[in-house]
Amino acid sequence: MKKFQLTLLVSGIIMTAVGIANGEASEILAKATVVCMECIGIG
């Protein structure tokens, strides 16, 4: 069980790093901001 958990943790860290390297973080932040603004009625 420990090996499975470690594998999931490592793969999650790798996928997060690849997403950040590809510039996905800024894109997701922009989309989240739009959704938030729509939710509270500003956008």
PDB file of N, CA and C in Angstrom:
ATOM      1  N   MET A   1       0.830  -1.203   0.000  1.00  0.00           N
ATOM      2  CA  MET A   1       0.000   0.000   0.000  1.00  0.00           C
ATOM      3  C   MET A   1       0.870   1.261   0.000  1.00  0.00           C
ATOM      4  N   LYS A   2       1.962   1.239   0.771  1.00  0.00           N
ATOM      5  CA  LYS A   2       2.826   2.409   0.828  1.00  0.00           C
ATOM      6  C   LYS A   2       3.433   2.731  -0.538  1.00  0.00           C
ATOM      7  N   LYS A   3       3.795   1.666  -1.287  1.00  0.00           N
ATOM      8  CA  LYS A   3       4.396   1.876  -2.596  1.00  0.00           C
ATOM      9  C   LYS A   3       3.402   2.545  -3.546  1.00  0.00           C
ATOM     10  N   PHE A   4       2.142   2.140  -3.466  1.00  0.00           N
ATOM     11  CA  PHE A   4       1.091   2.735  -4.305  1.00  0.00           C
ATOM     12  C   PHE A   4       0.911   4.216  -3.976  1.00  0.00           C
ATOM     13  N   GLN A   5       0.873   4.539  -2.691  1.00  0.00           N
ATOM     14  CA  GLN A   5       0.716   5.935  -2.272  1.00  0.00           C
ATOM     15  C   GLN A   5       1.897   6.780  -2.728  1.00  0.00           C
ATOM     16  N   LEU A   6       3.092   6.245  -2.602  1.00  0.00           N
ATOM     17  CA  LEU A   6       4.280   6.968  -3.035  1.00  0.00           C
ATOM     18  C   LEU A   6       4.272   7.184  -4.541  1.00  0.00           C
ATOM     19  N   THR A   7       3.825   6.184  -5.285  1.00  0.00           N
ATOM     20  CA  THR A   7       3.732   6.304  -6.740  1.00  0.00           C
ATOM     21  C   THR A   7       2.743   7.401  -7.131  1.00  0.00           C
ATOM     22  N   LEU A   8       1.600   7.441  -6.460  1.00  0.00           N
ATOM     23  CA  LEU A   8       0.620   8.491  -6.749  1.00  0.00           C
ATOM     24  C   LEU A   8       1.162   9.872  -6.413  1.00  0.00           C
ATOM     25  N   LEU A   9       1.847   9.985  -5.286  1.00  0.00           N
ATOM     26  CA  LEU A   9       2.419  11.265  -4.881  1.00  0.00           C
ATOM     27  C   LEU A   9       3.458  11.750  -5.878  1.00  0.00           C
ATOM     28  N   VAL A  10       4.368  10.876  -6.269  1.00  0.00           N
ATOM     29  CA  VAL A  10       5.420  11.244  -7.213  1.00  0.00           C
ATOM     30  C   VAL A  10       4.834  11.611  -8.571  1.00  0.00           C
ATOM     31  N   SER A  11       3.851  10.847  -9.047  1.00  0.00           N
ATOM     32  CA  SER A  11       3.251  11.160 -10.342  1.00  0.00           C
ATOM     33  C   SER A  11       2.487  12.481 -10.285  1.00  0.00           C
ATOM     34  N   GLY A  12       1.845  12.777  -9.169  1.00  0.00           N
ATOM     35  CA  GLY A  12       1.166  14.059  -9.022  1.00  0.00           C
ATOM     36  C   GLY A  12       2.130  15.229  -9.034  1.00  0.00           C
ATOM     37  N   ILE A  13       3.263  15.062  -8.363  1.00  0.00           N
ATOM     38  CA  ILE A  13       4.276  16.121  -8.351  1.00  0.00           C
ATOM     39  C   ILE A  13       4.847  16.337  -9.747  1.00  0.00           C
ATOM     40  N   ILE A  14       5.113  15.243 -10.459  1.00  0.00           N
ATOM     41  CA  ILE A  14       5.650  15.353 -11.820  1.00  0.00           C
ATOM     42  C   ILE A  14       4.647  16.032 -12.741  1.00  0.00           C
ATOM     43  N   MET A  15       3.378  15.635 -12.664  1.00  0.00           N
ATOM     44  CA  MET A  15       2.358  16.251 -13.525  1.00  0.00           C
ATOM     45  C   MET A  15       2.183  17.737 -13.213  1.00  0.00           C
ATOM     46  N   THR A  16       2.245  18.103 -11.941  1.00  0.00           N
ATOM     47  CA  THR A  16       2.148  19.508 -11.559  1.00  0.00           C
ATOM     48  C   THR A  16       3.325  20.292 -12.121  1.00  0.00           C
ATOM     49  N   ALA A  17       4.522  19.740 -12.018  1.00  0.00           N
ATOM     50  CA  ALA A  17       5.712  20.415 -12.536  1.00  0.00           C
ATOM     51  C   ALA A  17       5.646  20.592 -14.050  1.00  0.00           C
ATOM     52  N   VAL A  18       5.176  19.568 -14.756  1.00  0.00           N
ATOM     53  CA  VAL A  18       5.052  19.660 -16.210  1.00  0.00           C
ATOM     54  C   VAL A  18       4.012  20.714 -16.588  1.00  0.00           C
ATOM     55  N   GLY A  19       2.899  20.753 -15.869  1.00  0.00           N
ATOM     56  CA  GLY A  19       1.872  21.761 -16.147  1.00  0.00           C
ATOM     57  C   GLY A  19       2.373  23.174 -15.922  1.00  0.00           C
ATOM     58  N   ILE A  20       3.130  23.378 -14.861  1.00  0.00           N
ATOM     59  CA  ILE A  20       3.693  24.700 -14.596  1.00  0.00           C
ATOM     60  C   ILE A  20       4.700  25.072 -15.678  1.00  0.00           C
ATOM     61  N   ALA A  21       5.535  24.108 -16.089  1.00  0.00           N
ATOM     62  CA  ALA A  21       6.534  24.363 -17.128  1.00  0.00           C
ATOM     63  C   ALA A  21       5.887  24.711 -18.465  1.00  0.00           C
ATOM     64  N   ASN A  22       4.703  24.169 -18.728  1.00  0.00           N
ATOM     65  CA  ASN A  22       4.005  24.457 -19.987  1.00  0.00           C
ATOM     66  C   ASN A  22       3.191  25.743 -19.943  1.00  0.00           C
ATOM     67  N   GLY A  23       3.162  26.417 -18.799  1.00  0.00           N
ATOM     68  CA  GLY A  23       2.425  27.666 -18.690  1.00  0.00           C
ATOM     69  C   GLY A  23       0.950  27.482 -18.378  1.00  0.00           C
ATOM     70  N   GLU A  24       0.573  26.310 -17.938  1.00  0.00           N
ATOM     71  CA  GLU A  24      -0.830  26.029 -17.650  1.00  0.00           C
ATOM     72  C   GLU A  24      -1.322  26.767 -16.407  1.00  0.00           C
ATOM     73  N   ALA A  25      -0.433  27.063 -15.481  1.00  0.00           N
ATOM     74  CA  ALA A  25      -0.855  27.681 -14.221  1.00  0.00           C
ATOM     75  C   ALA A  25      -1.498  29.043 -14.462  1.00  0.00           C
ATOM     76  N   SER A  26      -0.904  29.851 -15.323  1.00  0.00           N
ATOM     77  CA  SER A  26      -1.472  31.179 -15.589  1.00  0.00           C
ATOM     78  C   SER A  26      -2.803  31.072 -16.329  1.00  0.00           C
ATOM     79  N   GLU A  27      -2.914  30.080 -17.198  1.00  0.00           N
ATOM     80  CA  GLU A  27      -4.162  29.877 -17.934  1.00  0.00           C
ATOM     81  C   GLU A  27      -5.291  29.462 -16.989  1.00  0.00           C
ATOM     82  N   ILE A  28      -4.993  28.567 -16.074  1.00  0.00           N
ATOM     83  CA  ILE A  28      -5.999  28.110 -15.115  1.00  0.00           C
ATOM     84  C   ILE A  28      -6.391  29.239 -14.173  1.00  0.00           C
ATOM     85  N   LEU A  29      -5.422  30.045 -13.748  1.00  0.00           N
ATOM     86  CA  LEU A  29      -5.727  31.190 -12.885  1.00  0.00           C
ATOM     87  C   LEU A  29      -6.651  32.180 -13.593  1.00  0.00           C
ATOM     88  N   ALA A  30      -6.399  32.431 -14.870  1.00  0.00           N
ATOM     89  CA  ALA A  30      -7.246  33.347 -15.634  1.00  0.00           C
ATOM     90  C   ALA A  30      -8.676  32.802 -15.728  1.00  0.00           C
ATOM     91  N   LYS A  31      -8.819  31.509 -15.993  1.00  0.00           N
ATOM     92  CA  LYS A  31     -10.160  30.910 -16.085  1.00  0.00           C
ATOM     93  C   LYS A  31     -10.865  30.940 -14.733  1.00  0.00           C
ATOM     94  N   ALA A  32     -10.129  30.663 -13.672  1.00  0.00           N
ATOM     95  CA  ALA A  32     -10.721  30.677 -12.337  1.00  0.00           C
ATOM     96  C   ALA A  32     -11.182  32.085 -11.959  1.00  0.00           C
ATOM     97  N   THR A  33     -10.409  33.083 -12.348  1.00  0.00           N
ATOM     98  CA  THR A  33     -10.783  34.469 -12.061  1.00  0.00           C
ATOM     99  C   THR A  33     -12.091  34.831 -12.767  1.00  0.00           C
ATOM    100  N   VAL A  34     -12.225  34.422 -14.014  1.00  0.00           N
ATOM    101  CA  VAL A  34     -13.452  34.708 -14.771  1.00  0.00           C
ATOM    102  C   VAL A  34     -14.646  34.028 -14.114  1.00  0.00           C
ATOM    103  N   VAL A  35     -14.485  32.778 -13.725  1.00  0.00           N
ATOM    104  CA  VAL A  35     -15.583  32.046 -13.085  1.00  0.00           C
ATOM    105  C   VAL A  35     -15.964  32.725 -11.777  1.00  0.00           C
ATOM    106  N   CYS A  36     -14.975  33.137 -11.004  1.00  0.00           N
ATOM    107  CA  CYS A  36     -15.245  33.804  -9.725  1.00  0.00           C
ATOM    108  C   CYS A  36     -16.001  35.115  -9.937  1.00  0.00           C
ATOM    109  N   MET A  37     -15.559  35.871 -10.922  1.00  0.00           N
ATOM    110  CA  MET A  37     -16.202  37.160 -11.186  1.00  0.00           C
ATOM    111  C   MET A  37     -17.659  36.947 -11.636  1.00  0.00           C
ATOM    112  N   GLU A  38     -17.898  35.928 -12.435  1.00  0.00           N
ATOM    113  CA  GLU A  38     -19.261  35.633 -12.867  1.00  0.00           C
ATOM    114  C   GLU A  38     -20.115  35.181 -11.697  1.00  0.00           C
ATOM    115  N   CYS A  39     -19.509  34.434 -10.796  1.00  0.00           N
ATOM    116  CA  CYS A  39     -20.256  33.872  -9.657  1.00  0.00           C
ATOM    117  C   CYS A  39     -20.759  34.981  -8.728  1.00  0.00           C
ATOM    118  N   ILE A  40     -19.921  35.988  -8.514  1.00  0.00           N
ATOM    119  CA  ILE A  40     -20.344  37.073  -7.604  1.00  0.00           C
ATOM    120  C   ILE A  40     -21.052  38.191  -8.341  1.00  0.00           C
ATOM    121  N   GLY A  41     -21.160  38.070  -9.665  1.00  0.00           N
ATOM    122  CA  GLY A  41     -21.966  39.010 -10.428  1.00  0.00           C
ATOM    123  C   GLY A  41     -21.250  40.228 -10.950  1.00  0.00           C
ATOM    124  N   ILE A  42     -19.924  40.228 -10.944  1.00  0.00           N
ATOM    125  CA  ILE A  42     -19.187  41.392 -11.450  1.00  0.00           C
ATOM    126  C   ILE A  42     -18.924  41.252 -12.949  1.00  0.00           C
ATOM    127  N   GLY A  43     -18.582  40.034 -13.390  1.00  0.00           N
ATOM    128  CA  GLY A  43     -18.152  39.824 -14.787  1.00  0.00           C
ATOM    129  C   GLY A  43     -19.274  39.443 -15.600  1.00  0.00           C
TER     130      GLY A  43
END
